[in-house]
Amino acid sequence: MLNKAAHLSANIFADDIEKLSTRDGFGTGVVEAAKADENVVVLCADLKESTRAEEFEKQFPERFVEMGVAEQNLATIASGMARVGKIPFVASYAAFSPGRNYEQIRTTIALNQMPVKVCGMHAGVSVGPDGATHQMLEDIGLMRMLPGMTVLVPGDAEEARKAVIAAAQTDTPVYIRFGRANTPVFTTSETPFEIGKAMMLWEDTEPSIGILSTGSLSYTALVAARALSEKGIGTIILHVPTVKPLDEKAVLDVARRVKGIVTVEEHQVAGGFGSAIAEFLSEEHALPIHRLGIKDVFGQSGTPDELLAHYGLDTGSIENAVRLLLK
C-alpha cells in the first residue's frame, strides 16, 4: 500500500506524471533561498545554462560570479566568501566539482568547515549521450568521506528545491547531487523534507524485503514495489535523500522488520549509498544486503533509459534483486 502520510503526488503512477530534472529544482530553490537571505550568492564554472544558475543571474546579477572553466578557483573563492559571511552555492558538473577540484574542497572548505554548498550537476549515467567522462559515478563516496560534509541526493525536482533552501540555512558545508534527465516529480510542496531524515514511500502489510534508495531511482523502486505487491511479495520502500548524516533510526527500523535489504543508487556500489547502509547495519543489525549500482566500471553513451537498464537499475532489476534475496 502507498504511504499516504508521505503526501506524494496524487497521480504518482499515471503515464502523464510531471517530469523535471532535479537541476531544475536547484534553479528554483536557489532563487527562493536568495530572496530569503541576501547573503546567498552563486558561483558558476561557465555552465550557467546547464546548471540552471542562469535564473539566479537574471534576478541577482550582483550576487552571481562567473568563474569560467576554473573549478579549483571556484571552490577556493567560495570558501573565502563564506569566511566573510556569504552563503555560496558553487555550480558545475559533478565530474568537475568535486571531480576536478576535490583537493580544494577538502582543504579550503571541509577542513575549515566553511558553509559552502557544492552543487554537483549531471551526476550518474542518466546524463546519457555525454558518456563516461561526464557521468560522475564516484562523487557520493568522495564527499561522504570528508569530515563534517553533509551529502544530499534529492529524489525529484520538488525535493531538490527544498534541499537547496534547507542547505542555505545550515552553517556547515553541504554537497547536493543533481541529475540532468527529466524524472517523475513524485513529491509535492506538502511533502515533508528535513536534512537527516528519510521518508517511507511504500509499506506492504507483511513486508519481506526492505528497498532503500536515494535520488530519482526512488521512484523506480516505488514502481517495482507496486509490481511486487501485485505478485504477493511485500516490501518497504525507504527513500533516503540524506546520505550523510544517515537517518540511522529509520534504516534500523526497516532492517528489523524484514529478511533482507536491497539498496539502489545511480553510483558506484563501492563507497556510495549502499556502502553507507552496509557499514551501519553490519554493526547494528546484520542481515543479507544486495547493493544495486554501478559495478566497478565507467559509464558509456546512450539514452538514460538504455543506460539504467544496462547497468541493472531499472524496475525489472530491482524486482529481480528482491526475488534473489528471498531465495
C-alpha atoms as a PDB file:
ATOM      1  CA  MET A   1       0.000   0.000   0.000  1.00  0.00           C
ATOM      2  CA  LEU A   2       1.112   3.563  -0.634  1.00  0.00           C
ATOM      3  CA  ASN A   3       2.054   5.501   2.453  1.00  0.00           C
ATOM      4  CA  LYS A   4      -0.460   8.363   2.286  1.00  0.00           C
ATOM      5  CA  ALA A   5       1.221  10.191   5.169  1.00  0.00           C
ATOM      6  CA  ALA A   6       4.121  10.978   2.846  1.00  0.00           C
ATOM      7  CA  HIS A   7       1.958  13.451   0.825  1.00  0.00           C
ATOM      8  CA  LEU A   8       3.019  12.039  -2.519  1.00  0.00           C
ATOM      9  CA  SER A   9       1.725  13.137  -5.894  1.00  0.00           C
ATOM     10  CA  ALA A  10      -1.924  12.202  -6.449  1.00  0.00           C
ATOM     11  CA  ASN A  11      -1.199  10.748  -9.902  1.00  0.00           C
ATOM     12  CA  ILE A  12       2.025   9.059  -8.886  1.00  0.00           C
ATOM     13  CA  PHE A  13       1.640   6.055 -11.197  1.00  0.00           C
ATOM     14  CA  ALA A  14      -0.023   7.884 -14.080  1.00  0.00           C
ATOM     15  CA  ASP A  15       1.583   7.927 -17.512  1.00  0.00           C
ATOM     16  CA  ASP A  16       1.300  11.717 -17.602  1.00  0.00           C
ATOM     17  CA  ILE A  17       3.048  12.354 -14.270  1.00  0.00           C
ATOM     18  CA  GLU A  18       5.062  15.578 -14.439  1.00  0.00           C
ATOM     19  CA  LYS A  19       8.739  15.093 -15.235  1.00  0.00           C
ATOM     20  CA  LEU A  20      11.519  17.558 -14.475  1.00  0.00           C
ATOM     21  CA  SER A  21      15.234  17.239 -13.822  1.00  0.00           C
ATOM     22  CA  THR A  22      16.498  17.728 -10.288  1.00  0.00           C
ATOM     23  CA  ARG A  23      18.745  20.502 -11.627  1.00  0.00           C
ATOM     24  CA  ASP A  24      15.512  22.421 -12.322  1.00  0.00           C
ATOM     25  CA  GLY A  25      14.850  22.220  -8.592  1.00  0.00           C
ATOM     26  CA  PHE A  26      18.229  23.844  -7.982  1.00  0.00           C
ATOM     27  CA  GLY A  27      17.369  26.750 -10.263  1.00  0.00           C
ATOM     28  CA  THR A  28      14.092  27.391  -8.457  1.00  0.00           C
ATOM     29  CA  GLY A  29      15.367  26.717  -4.951  1.00  0.00           C
ATOM     30  CA  VAL A  30      18.465  28.909  -5.062  1.00  0.00           C
ATOM     31  CA  VAL A  31      16.374  31.909  -6.170  1.00  0.00           C
ATOM     32  CA  GLU A  32      13.983  31.319  -3.260  1.00  0.00           C
ATOM     33  CA  ALA A  33      16.909  30.980  -0.859  1.00  0.00           C
ATOM     34  CA  ALA A  34      18.378  34.252  -2.174  1.00  0.00           C
ATOM     35  CA  LYS A  35      15.102  36.100  -1.680  1.00  0.00           C
ATOM     36  CA  ALA A  36      15.051  34.936   1.937  1.00  0.00           C
ATOM     37  CA  ASP A  37      18.713  35.746   2.678  1.00  0.00           C
ATOM     38  CA  GLU A  38      20.745  38.461   0.965  1.00  0.00           C
ATOM     39  CA  ASN A  39      23.978  36.601   1.778  1.00  0.00           C
ATOM     40  CA  VAL A  40      23.194  33.815  -0.714  1.00  0.00           C
ATOM     41  CA  VAL A  41      25.497  34.023  -3.734  1.00  0.00           C
ATOM     42  CA  VAL A  42      26.095  31.714  -6.708  1.00  0.00           C
ATOM     43  CA  LEU A  43      29.419  30.963  -8.376  1.00  0.00           C
ATOM     44  CA  CYS A  44      29.458  29.042 -11.644  1.00  0.00           C
ATOM     45  CA  ALA A  45      32.134  27.454 -13.849  1.00  0.00           C
ATOM     46  CA  ASP A  46      30.924  28.536 -17.296  1.00  0.00           C
ATOM     47  CA  LEU A  47      27.840  26.317 -17.134  1.00  0.00           C
ATOM     48  CA  LYS A  48      25.042  28.626 -16.050  1.00  0.00           C
ATOM     49  CA  GLU A  49      22.532  27.266 -18.567  1.00  0.00           C
ATOM     50  CA  SER A  50      23.255  23.583 -17.917  1.00  0.00           C
ATOM     51  CA  THR A  51      23.264  24.002 -14.132  1.00  0.00           C
ATOM     52  CA  ARG A  52      20.152  26.240 -14.146  1.00  0.00           C
ATOM     53  CA  ALA A  53      22.112  29.027 -12.423  1.00  0.00           C
ATOM     54  CA  GLU A  54      21.072  31.429 -15.194  1.00  0.00           C
ATOM     55  CA  GLU A  55      17.776  32.298 -13.485  1.00  0.00           C
ATOM     56  CA  PHE A  56      19.696  33.368 -10.396  1.00  0.00           C
ATOM     57  CA  GLU A  57      21.927  35.574 -12.536  1.00  0.00           C
ATOM     58  CA  LYS A  58      18.883  37.233 -14.100  1.00  0.00           C
ATOM     59  CA  GLN A  59      17.357  38.085 -10.750  1.00  0.00           C
ATOM     60  CA  PHE A  60      20.506  38.764  -8.731  1.00  0.00           C
ATOM     61  CA  PRO A  61      23.257  39.757 -11.191  1.00  0.00           C
ATOM     62  CA  GLU A  62      25.261  41.492  -8.473  1.00  0.00           C
ATOM     63  CA  ARG A  63      25.336  38.245  -6.451  1.00  0.00           C
ATOM     64  CA  PHE A  64      26.367  35.975  -9.337  1.00  0.00           C
ATOM     65  CA  VAL A  65      30.025  35.288 -10.133  1.00  0.00           C
ATOM     66  CA  GLU A  66      31.080  33.630 -13.394  1.00  0.00           C
ATOM     67  CA  MET A  67      34.401  31.900 -12.712  1.00  0.00           C
ATOM     68  CA  GLY A  68      34.956  30.453 -16.153  1.00  0.00           C
ATOM     69  CA  VAL A  69      36.431  26.980 -16.601  1.00  0.00           C
ATOM     70  CA  ALA A  70      38.351  27.123 -13.319  1.00  0.00           C
ATOM     71  CA  GLU A  71      36.829  24.716 -10.809  1.00  0.00           C
ATOM     72  CA  GLN A  72      39.745  24.931  -8.374  1.00  0.00           C
ATOM     73  CA  ASN A  73      39.264  28.687  -8.153  1.00  0.00           C
ATOM     74  CA  LEU A  74      35.514  28.114  -7.908  1.00  0.00           C
ATOM     75  CA  ALA A  75      35.903  26.204  -4.638  1.00  0.00           C
ATOM     76  CA  THR A  76      38.665  28.344  -3.139  1.00  0.00           C
ATOM     77  CA  ILE A  77      36.988  31.704  -3.769  1.00  0.00           C
ATOM     78  CA  ALA A  78      33.686  30.340  -2.463  1.00  0.00           C
ATOM     79  CA  SER A  79      35.456  29.342   0.752  1.00  0.00           C
ATOM     80  CA  GLY A  80      36.812  32.872   1.114  1.00  0.00           C
ATOM     81  CA  MET A  81      33.367  34.354   0.554  1.00  0.00           C
ATOM     82  CA  ALA A  82      31.905  32.037   3.182  1.00  0.00           C
ATOM     83  CA  ARG A  83      34.598  33.188   5.590  1.00  0.00           C
ATOM     84  CA  VAL A  84      33.278  36.740   5.439  1.00  0.00           C
ATOM     85  CA  GLY A  85      29.621  35.771   5.916  1.00  0.00           C
ATOM     86  CA  LYS A  86      28.297  34.849   2.476  1.00  0.00           C
ATOM     87  CA  ILE A  87      26.405  31.640   1.726  1.00  0.00           C
ATOM     88  CA  PRO A  88      27.982  30.457  -1.540  1.00  0.00           C
ATOM     89  CA  PHE A  89      26.448  27.881  -3.854  1.00  0.00           C
ATOM     90  CA  VAL A  90      29.004  26.619  -6.389  1.00  0.00           C
ATOM     91  CA  ALA A  91      27.552  25.065  -9.531  1.00  0.00           C
ATOM     92  CA  SER A  92      29.296  22.847 -12.069  1.00  0.00           C
ATOM     93  CA  TYR A  93      29.123  19.323 -13.434  1.00  0.00           C
ATOM     94  CA  ALA A  94      29.861  16.761 -10.742  1.00  0.00           C
ATOM     95  CA  ALA A  95      32.624  15.358 -12.949  1.00  0.00           C
ATOM     96  CA  PHE A  96      34.447  18.654 -12.432  1.00  0.00           C
ATOM     97  CA  SER A  97      33.197  19.664  -8.981  1.00  0.00           C
ATOM     98  CA  PRO A  98      34.006  17.641  -6.892  1.00  0.00           C
ATOM     99  CA  GLY A  99      35.804  15.630  -9.597  1.00  0.00           C
ATOM    100  CA  ARG A 100      38.425  18.159 -10.654  1.00  0.00           C
ATOM    101  CA  ASN A 101      38.651  20.331  -7.530  1.00  0.00           C
ATOM    102  CA  TYR A 102      38.475  17.739  -4.769  1.00  0.00           C
ATOM    103  CA  GLU A 103      41.665  18.929  -3.094  1.00  0.00           C
ATOM    104  CA  GLN A 104      40.376  22.491  -2.882  1.00  0.00           C
ATOM    105  CA  ILE A 105      37.025  21.314  -1.495  1.00  0.00           C
ATOM    106  CA  ARG A 106      38.836  19.158   1.039  1.00  0.00           C
ATOM    107  CA  THR A 107      41.376  21.749   2.199  1.00  0.00           C
ATOM    108  CA  THR A 108      39.680  25.123   1.866  1.00  0.00           C
ATOM    109  CA  ILE A 109      36.055  24.136   2.520  1.00  0.00           C
ATOM    110  CA  ALA A 110      35.799  20.925   4.562  1.00  0.00           C
ATOM    111  CA  LEU A 111      38.927  21.303   6.691  1.00  0.00           C
ATOM    112  CA  ASN A 112      37.891  24.834   7.658  1.00  0.00           C
ATOM    113  CA  GLN A 113      34.189  23.913   7.935  1.00  0.00           C
ATOM    114  CA  MET A 114      33.176  26.734   5.627  1.00  0.00           C
ATOM    115  CA  PRO A 115      29.409  26.677   4.820  1.00  0.00           C
ATOM    116  CA  VAL A 116      29.861  26.363   1.061  1.00  0.00           C
ATOM    117  CA  LYS A 117      27.158  24.437  -0.797  1.00  0.00           C
ATOM    118  CA  VAL A 118      28.784  22.346  -3.536  1.00  0.00           C
ATOM    119  CA  CYS A 119      26.239  21.521  -6.260  1.00  0.00           C
ATOM    120  CA  GLY A 120      27.292  18.624  -8.477  1.00  0.00           C
ATOM    121  CA  MET A 121      25.188  18.586 -11.647  1.00  0.00           C
ATOM    122  CA  HIS A 122      24.729  15.926 -14.340  1.00  0.00           C
ATOM    123  CA  ALA A 123      25.693  13.098 -11.957  1.00  0.00           C
ATOM    124  CA  GLY A 124      25.075   9.436 -12.756  1.00  0.00           C
ATOM    125  CA  VAL A 125      24.732   7.516 -16.012  1.00  0.00           C
ATOM    126  CA  SER A 126      21.412   9.169 -16.817  1.00  0.00           C
ATOM    127  CA  VAL A 127      23.410  12.093 -18.238  1.00  0.00           C
ATOM    128  CA  GLY A 128      23.112   9.859 -21.307  1.00  0.00           C
ATOM    129  CA  PRO A 129      24.962  10.661 -24.551  1.00  0.00           C
ATOM    130  CA  ASP A 130      27.669  12.741 -22.825  1.00  0.00           C
ATOM    131  CA  GLY A 131      29.408   9.462 -21.996  1.00  0.00           C
ATOM    132  CA  ALA A 132      31.870   8.262 -19.396  1.00  0.00           C
ATOM    133  CA  THR A 133      33.865  11.471 -18.995  1.00  0.00           C
ATOM    134  CA  HIS A 134      30.796  13.388 -17.820  1.00  0.00           C
ATOM    135  CA  GLN A 135      28.948  10.590 -15.991  1.00  0.00           C
ATOM    136  CA  MET A 136      30.211  11.131 -12.460  1.00  0.00           C
ATOM    137  CA  LEU A 137      29.721   7.900 -10.502  1.00  0.00           C
ATOM    138  CA  GLU A 138      32.120   8.394  -7.591  1.00  0.00           C
ATOM    139  CA  ASP A 139      31.015  11.704  -6.040  1.00  0.00           C
ATOM    140  CA  ILE A 140      28.915  10.383  -3.160  1.00  0.00           C
ATOM    141  CA  GLY A 141      31.869   8.334  -1.949  1.00  0.00           C
ATOM    142  CA  LEU A 142      34.300  11.231  -2.291  1.00  0.00           C
ATOM    143  CA  MET A 143      32.113  13.676  -0.428  1.00  0.00           C
ATOM    144  CA  ARG A 144      30.744  11.487   2.334  1.00  0.00           C
ATOM    145  CA  MET A 145      34.293  10.648   3.401  1.00  0.00           C
ATOM    146  CA  LEU A 146      35.021  14.298   4.162  1.00  0.00           C
ATOM    147  CA  PRO A 147      34.588  15.070   7.879  1.00  0.00           C
ATOM    148  CA  GLY A 148      31.655  17.369   8.554  1.00  0.00           C
ATOM    149  CA  MET A 149      30.298  17.259   4.983  1.00  0.00           C
ATOM    150  CA  THR A 150      26.534  16.807   4.608  1.00  0.00           C
ATOM    151  CA  VAL A 151      25.563  14.831   1.472  1.00  0.00           C
ATOM    152  CA  LEU A 152      22.117  15.249  -0.112  1.00  0.00           C
ATOM    153  CA  VAL A 153      20.712  13.320  -3.090  1.00  0.00           C
ATOM    154  CA  PRO A 154      17.166  14.596  -3.723  1.00  0.00           C
ATOM    155  CA  GLY A 155      14.643  12.328  -5.387  1.00  0.00           C
ATOM    156  CA  ASP A 156      12.898  14.796  -7.688  1.00  0.00           C
ATOM    157  CA  ALA A 157      12.808  18.460  -8.688  1.00  0.00           C
ATOM    158  CA  GLU A 158      10.494  19.471  -5.851  1.00  0.00           C
ATOM    159  CA  GLU A 159      12.643  17.792  -3.227  1.00  0.00           C
ATOM    160  CA  ALA A 160      15.726  19.323  -4.847  1.00  0.00           C
ATOM    161  CA  ARG A 161      14.173  22.761  -4.406  1.00  0.00           C
ATOM    162  CA  LYS A 162      13.614  22.073  -0.719  1.00  0.00           C
ATOM    163  CA  ALA A 163      17.108  20.631  -0.302  1.00  0.00           C
ATOM    164  CA  VAL A 164      18.673  23.824  -1.670  1.00  0.00           C
ATOM    165  CA  ILE A 165      16.610  26.011   0.642  1.00  0.00           C
ATOM    166  CA  ALA A 166      17.437  23.794   3.638  1.00  0.00           C
ATOM    167  CA  ALA A 167      21.145  23.770   2.748  1.00  0.00           C
ATOM    168  CA  ALA A 168      21.204  27.576   2.690  1.00  0.00           C
ATOM    169  CA  GLN A 169      20.043  27.564   6.307  1.00  0.00           C
ATOM    170  CA  THR A 170      22.878  25.360   7.585  1.00  0.00           C
ATOM    171  CA  ASP A 171      26.235  26.587   8.862  1.00  0.00           C
ATOM    172  CA  THR A 172      28.152  23.572   7.536  1.00  0.00           C
ATOM    173  CA  PRO A 173      29.500  22.505   4.125  1.00  0.00           C
ATOM    174  CA  VAL A 174      26.949  20.633   2.028  1.00  0.00           C
ATOM    175  CA  TYR A 175      27.194  18.571  -1.149  1.00  0.00           C
ATOM    176  CA  ILE A 176      24.000  18.289  -3.224  1.00  0.00           C
ATOM    177  CA  ARG A 177      23.835  15.887  -6.152  1.00  0.00           C
ATOM    178  CA  PHE A 178      21.657  16.742  -9.171  1.00  0.00           C
ATOM    179  CA  GLY A 179      20.711  14.929 -12.376  1.00  0.00           C
ATOM    180  CA  ARG A 180      20.150  16.047 -15.950  1.00  0.00           C
ATOM    181  CA  ALA A 181      17.398  13.700 -17.141  1.00  0.00           C
ATOM    182  CA  ASN A 182      13.744  14.567 -16.635  1.00  0.00           C
ATOM    183  CA  THR A 183      12.346  12.214 -13.991  1.00  0.00           C
ATOM    184  CA  PRO A 184       8.927  11.897 -12.292  1.00  0.00           C
ATOM    185  CA  VAL A 185       8.043  14.520  -9.690  1.00  0.00           C
ATOM    186  CA  PHE A 186       6.545  12.179  -7.109  1.00  0.00           C
ATOM    187  CA  THR A 187       6.591  14.522  -4.100  1.00  0.00           C
ATOM    188  CA  THR A 188       4.593  17.716  -3.634  1.00  0.00           C
ATOM    189  CA  SER A 189       5.056  21.055  -1.911  1.00  0.00           C
ATOM    190  CA  GLU A 190       3.388  19.462   1.137  1.00  0.00           C
ATOM    191  CA  THR A 191       5.784  16.515   1.329  1.00  0.00           C
ATOM    192  CA  PRO A 192       7.993  16.899   4.411  1.00  0.00           C
ATOM    193  CA  PHE A 193      11.718  17.399   3.889  1.00  0.00           C
ATOM    194  CA  GLU A 194      14.356  17.703   6.562  1.00  0.00           C
ATOM    195  CA  ILE A 195      18.100  17.199   6.286  1.00  0.00           C
ATOM    196  CA  GLY A 196      18.975  13.933   8.016  1.00  0.00           C
ATOM    197  CA  LYS A 197      15.509  12.391   7.659  1.00  0.00           C
ATOM    198  CA  ALA A 198      14.432   9.501   5.439  1.00  0.00           C
ATOM    199  CA  MET A 199      10.881   9.035   4.144  1.00  0.00           C
ATOM    200  CA  MET A 200       8.707   5.939   3.856  1.00  0.00           C
ATOM    201  CA  LEU A 201       7.222   5.729   0.356  1.00  0.00           C
ATOM    202  CA  TRP A 202       5.655   2.278   0.395  1.00  0.00           C
ATOM    203  CA  GLU A 203       4.766  -0.260   3.066  1.00  0.00           C
ATOM    204  CA  ASP A 204       3.032  -3.565   2.466  1.00  0.00           C
ATOM    205  CA  THR A 205       1.174  -5.267   5.294  1.00  0.00           C
ATOM    206  CA  GLU A 206       3.682  -8.122   5.570  1.00  0.00           C
ATOM    207  CA  PRO A 207       6.971  -6.884   4.096  1.00  0.00           C
ATOM    208  CA  SER A 208       9.715  -9.414   3.402  1.00  0.00           C
ATOM    209  CA  ILE A 209      12.348  -7.113   1.894  1.00  0.00           C
ATOM    210  CA  GLY A 210      13.291  -3.509   2.525  1.00  0.00           C
ATOM    211  CA  ILE A 211      14.291  -1.429  -0.501  1.00  0.00           C
ATOM    212  CA  LEU A 212      16.422   1.550   0.478  1.00  0.00           C
ATOM    213  CA  SER A 213      17.019   4.036  -2.314  1.00  0.00           C
ATOM    214  CA  THR A 214      18.317   7.526  -2.932  1.00  0.00           C
ATOM    215  CA  GLY A 215      17.940  10.065  -5.714  1.00  0.00           C
ATOM    216  CA  SER A 216      15.493   9.740  -8.602  1.00  0.00           C
ATOM    217  CA  LEU A 217      15.762   5.939  -8.531  1.00  0.00           C
ATOM    218  CA  SER A 218      13.470   6.012  -5.501  1.00  0.00           C
ATOM    219  CA  TYR A 219      10.619   6.439  -7.966  1.00  0.00           C
ATOM    220  CA  THR A 220      11.832   3.389  -9.900  1.00  0.00           C
ATOM    221  CA  ALA A 221      11.881   1.469  -6.615  1.00  0.00           C
ATOM    222  CA  LEU A 222       8.326   2.613  -5.933  1.00  0.00           C
ATOM    223  CA  VAL A 223       7.123   1.275  -9.276  1.00  0.00           C
ATOM    224  CA  ALA A 224       8.919  -2.013  -8.552  1.00  0.00           C
ATOM    225  CA  ALA A 225       7.252  -2.226  -5.136  1.00  0.00           C
ATOM    226  CA  ARG A 226       3.800  -1.942  -6.679  1.00  0.00           C
ATOM    227  CA  ALA A 227       4.609  -4.674  -9.206  1.00  0.00           C
ATOM    228  CA  LEU A 228       5.967  -6.960  -6.497  1.00  0.00           C
ATOM    229  CA  SER A 229       2.946  -6.338  -4.285  1.00  0.00           C
ATOM    230  CA  GLU A 230       0.631  -7.401  -7.101  1.00  0.00           C
ATOM    231  CA  LYS A 231       2.586 -10.670  -7.199  1.00  0.00           C
ATOM    232  CA  GLY A 232       2.270 -11.247  -3.461  1.00  0.00           C
ATOM    233  CA  ILE A 233       5.743 -10.051  -2.450  1.00  0.00           C
ATOM    234  CA  GLY A 234       5.631  -7.432   0.284  1.00  0.00           C
ATOM    235  CA  THR A 235       8.234  -4.692   0.556  1.00  0.00           C
ATOM    236  CA  ILE A 236       9.028  -1.456   2.327  1.00  0.00           C
ATOM    237  CA  ILE A 237      10.440   1.468   0.325  1.00  0.00           C
ATOM    238  CA  LEU A 238      12.547   3.914   2.313  1.00  0.00           C
ATOM    239  CA  HIS A 239      13.665   6.970   0.361  1.00  0.00           C
ATOM    240  CA  VAL A 240      16.921   8.352   1.798  1.00  0.00           C
ATOM    241  CA  PRO A 241      17.692  11.804   0.379  1.00  0.00           C
ATOM    242  CA  THR A 242      20.311  12.471   3.062  1.00  0.00           C
ATOM    243  CA  VAL A 243      23.175  10.018   2.627  1.00  0.00           C
ATOM    244  CA  LYS A 244      25.142  11.783   5.365  1.00  0.00           C
ATOM    245  CA  PRO A 245      24.190  12.136   8.147  1.00  0.00           C
ATOM    246  CA  LEU A 246      22.256   8.915   7.688  1.00  0.00           C
ATOM    247  CA  ASP A 247      18.841   8.557   9.304  1.00  0.00           C
ATOM    248  CA  GLU A 248      20.029   5.595  11.343  1.00  0.00           C
ATOM    249  CA  LYS A 249      16.796   5.179  13.265  1.00  0.00           C
ATOM    250  CA  ALA A 250      14.679   4.877  10.121  1.00  0.00           C
ATOM    251  CA  VAL A 251      17.150   2.470   8.497  1.00  0.00           C
ATOM    252  CA  LEU A 252      17.294   0.309  11.620  1.00  0.00           C
ATOM    253  CA  ASP A 253      13.504   0.266  11.965  1.00  0.00           C
ATOM    254  CA  VAL A 254      13.184  -1.126   8.425  1.00  0.00           C
ATOM    255  CA  ALA A 255      16.002  -3.655   8.869  1.00  0.00           C
ATOM    256  CA  ARG A 256      14.380  -5.103  11.986  1.00  0.00           C
ATOM    257  CA  ARG A 257      11.143  -5.786  10.110  1.00  0.00           C
ATOM    258  CA  VAL A 258      12.465  -7.572   7.019  1.00  0.00           C
ATOM    259  CA  LYS A 259      14.559 -10.568   5.952  1.00  0.00           C
ATOM    260  CA  GLY A 260      16.928  -8.617   3.713  1.00  0.00           C
ATOM    261  CA  ILE A 261      17.761  -5.222   2.251  1.00  0.00           C
ATOM    262  CA  VAL A 262      18.191  -4.053  -1.351  1.00  0.00           C
ATOM    263  CA  THR A 263      19.923  -0.701  -1.835  1.00  0.00           C
ATOM    264  CA  VAL A 264      19.513   1.284  -5.052  1.00  0.00           C
ATOM    265  CA  GLU A 265      21.701   4.149  -6.312  1.00  0.00           C
ATOM    266  CA  GLU A 266      22.982   5.666  -9.555  1.00  0.00           C
ATOM    267  CA  HIS A 267      26.583   5.492  -8.349  1.00  0.00           C
ATOM    268  CA  GLN A 268      29.420   3.028  -7.922  1.00  0.00           C
ATOM    269  CA  VAL A 269      28.453   0.326  -5.432  1.00  0.00           C
ATOM    270  CA  ALA A 270      31.862   0.880  -3.798  1.00  0.00           C
ATOM    271  CA  GLY A 271      31.835   3.736  -1.346  1.00  0.00           C
ATOM    272  CA  GLY A 272      28.395   5.110  -2.090  1.00  0.00           C
ATOM    273  CA  PHE A 273      24.940   4.992  -0.539  1.00  0.00           C
ATOM    274  CA  GLY A 274      24.764   1.189  -0.393  1.00  0.00           C
ATOM    275  CA  SER A 275      28.140   1.095   1.327  1.00  0.00           C
ATOM    276  CA  ALA A 276      26.895   3.563   3.936  1.00  0.00           C
ATOM    277  CA  ILE A 277      23.892   1.318   4.633  1.00  0.00           C
ATOM    278  CA  ALA A 278      26.013  -1.849   4.748  1.00  0.00           C
ATOM    279  CA  GLU A 279      28.572  -0.254   7.077  1.00  0.00           C
ATOM    280  CA  PHE A 280      25.908   0.865   9.502  1.00  0.00           C
ATOM    281  CA  LEU A 281      23.859  -2.354   9.529  1.00  0.00           C
ATOM    282  CA  SER A 282      26.949  -4.582   9.834  1.00  0.00           C
ATOM    283  CA  GLU A 283      27.462  -3.069  13.267  1.00  0.00           C
ATOM    284  CA  GLU A 284      23.860  -2.641  14.368  1.00  0.00           C
ATOM    285  CA  HIS A 285      21.701  -5.335  12.759  1.00  0.00           C
ATOM    286  CA  ALA A 286      23.426  -7.678  10.333  1.00  0.00           C
ATOM    287  CA  LEU A 287      21.240  -9.183   7.602  1.00  0.00           C
ATOM    288  CA  PRO A 288      21.578 -10.028   3.887  1.00  0.00           C
ATOM    289  CA  ILE A 289      22.113  -6.934   1.723  1.00  0.00           C
ATOM    290  CA  HIS A 290      22.093  -6.727  -2.073  1.00  0.00           C
ATOM    291  CA  ARG A 291      23.516  -3.475  -3.449  1.00  0.00           C
ATOM    292  CA  LEU A 292      22.331  -2.259  -6.841  1.00  0.00           C
ATOM    293  CA  GLY A 293      24.559   0.309  -8.528  1.00  0.00           C
ATOM    294  CA  ILE A 294      27.404   0.598 -10.999  1.00  0.00           C
ATOM    295  CA  LYS A 295      29.756  -2.328 -10.501  1.00  0.00           C
ATOM    296  CA  ASP A 296      33.352  -1.156 -10.949  1.00  0.00           C
ATOM    297  CA  VAL A 297      33.010   0.126 -14.495  1.00  0.00           C
ATOM    298  CA  PHE A 298      32.763   3.529 -16.138  1.00  0.00           C
ATOM    299  CA  GLY A 299      29.708   4.743 -17.997  1.00  0.00           C
ATOM    300  CA  GLN A 300      29.108   4.981 -21.744  1.00  0.00           C
ATOM    301  CA  SER A 301      26.952   6.865 -24.215  1.00  0.00           C
ATOM    302  CA  GLY A 302      23.277   6.029 -24.600  1.00  0.00           C
ATOM    303  CA  THR A 303      19.836   7.257 -23.634  1.00  0.00           C
ATOM    304  CA  PRO A 304      19.113   7.475 -19.905  1.00  0.00           C
ATOM    305  CA  ASP A 305      16.650   4.574 -20.026  1.00  0.00           C
ATOM    306  CA  GLU A 306      19.040   2.396 -22.023  1.00  0.00           C
ATOM    307  CA  LEU A 307      21.877   3.018 -19.602  1.00  0.00           C
ATOM    308  CA  LEU A 308      19.837   2.451 -16.456  1.00  0.00           C
ATOM    309  CA  ALA A 309      18.622  -0.875 -17.855  1.00  0.00           C
ATOM    310  CA  HIS A 310      22.140  -1.846 -18.995  1.00  0.00           C
ATOM    311  CA  TYR A 311      23.578  -1.266 -15.529  1.00  0.00           C
ATOM    312  CA  GLY A 312      20.751  -3.068 -13.752  1.00  0.00           C
ATOM    313  CA  LEU A 313      18.986  -0.039 -12.307  1.00  0.00           C
ATOM    314  CA  ASP A 314      15.566  -0.323 -13.924  1.00  0.00           C
ATOM    315  CA  THR A 315      12.333  -1.602 -12.405  1.00  0.00           C
ATOM    316  CA  GLY A 316      12.885  -5.209 -13.506  1.00  0.00           C
ATOM    317  CA  SER A 317      16.359  -5.299 -11.990  1.00  0.00           C
ATOM    318  CA  ILE A 318      15.024  -4.138  -8.629  1.00  0.00           C
ATOM    319  CA  GLU A 319      12.313  -6.791  -8.742  1.00  0.00           C
ATOM    320  CA  ASN A 320      14.906  -9.482  -9.551  1.00  0.00           C
ATOM    321  CA  ALA A 321      17.124  -8.350  -6.687  1.00  0.00           C
ATOM    322  CA  VAL A 322      14.230  -8.726  -4.261  1.00  0.00           C
ATOM    323  CA  ARG A 323      13.458 -12.230  -5.539  1.00  0.00           C
ATOM    324  CA  LEU A 324      17.119 -13.190  -5.280  1.00  0.00           C
ATOM    325  CA  LEU A 325      17.236 -12.210  -1.620  1.00  0.00           C
ATOM    326  CA  LEU A 326      14.053 -14.172  -0.894  1.00  0.00           C
ATOM    327  CA  LYS A 327      15.708 -17.310  -2.282  1.00  0.00           C
END
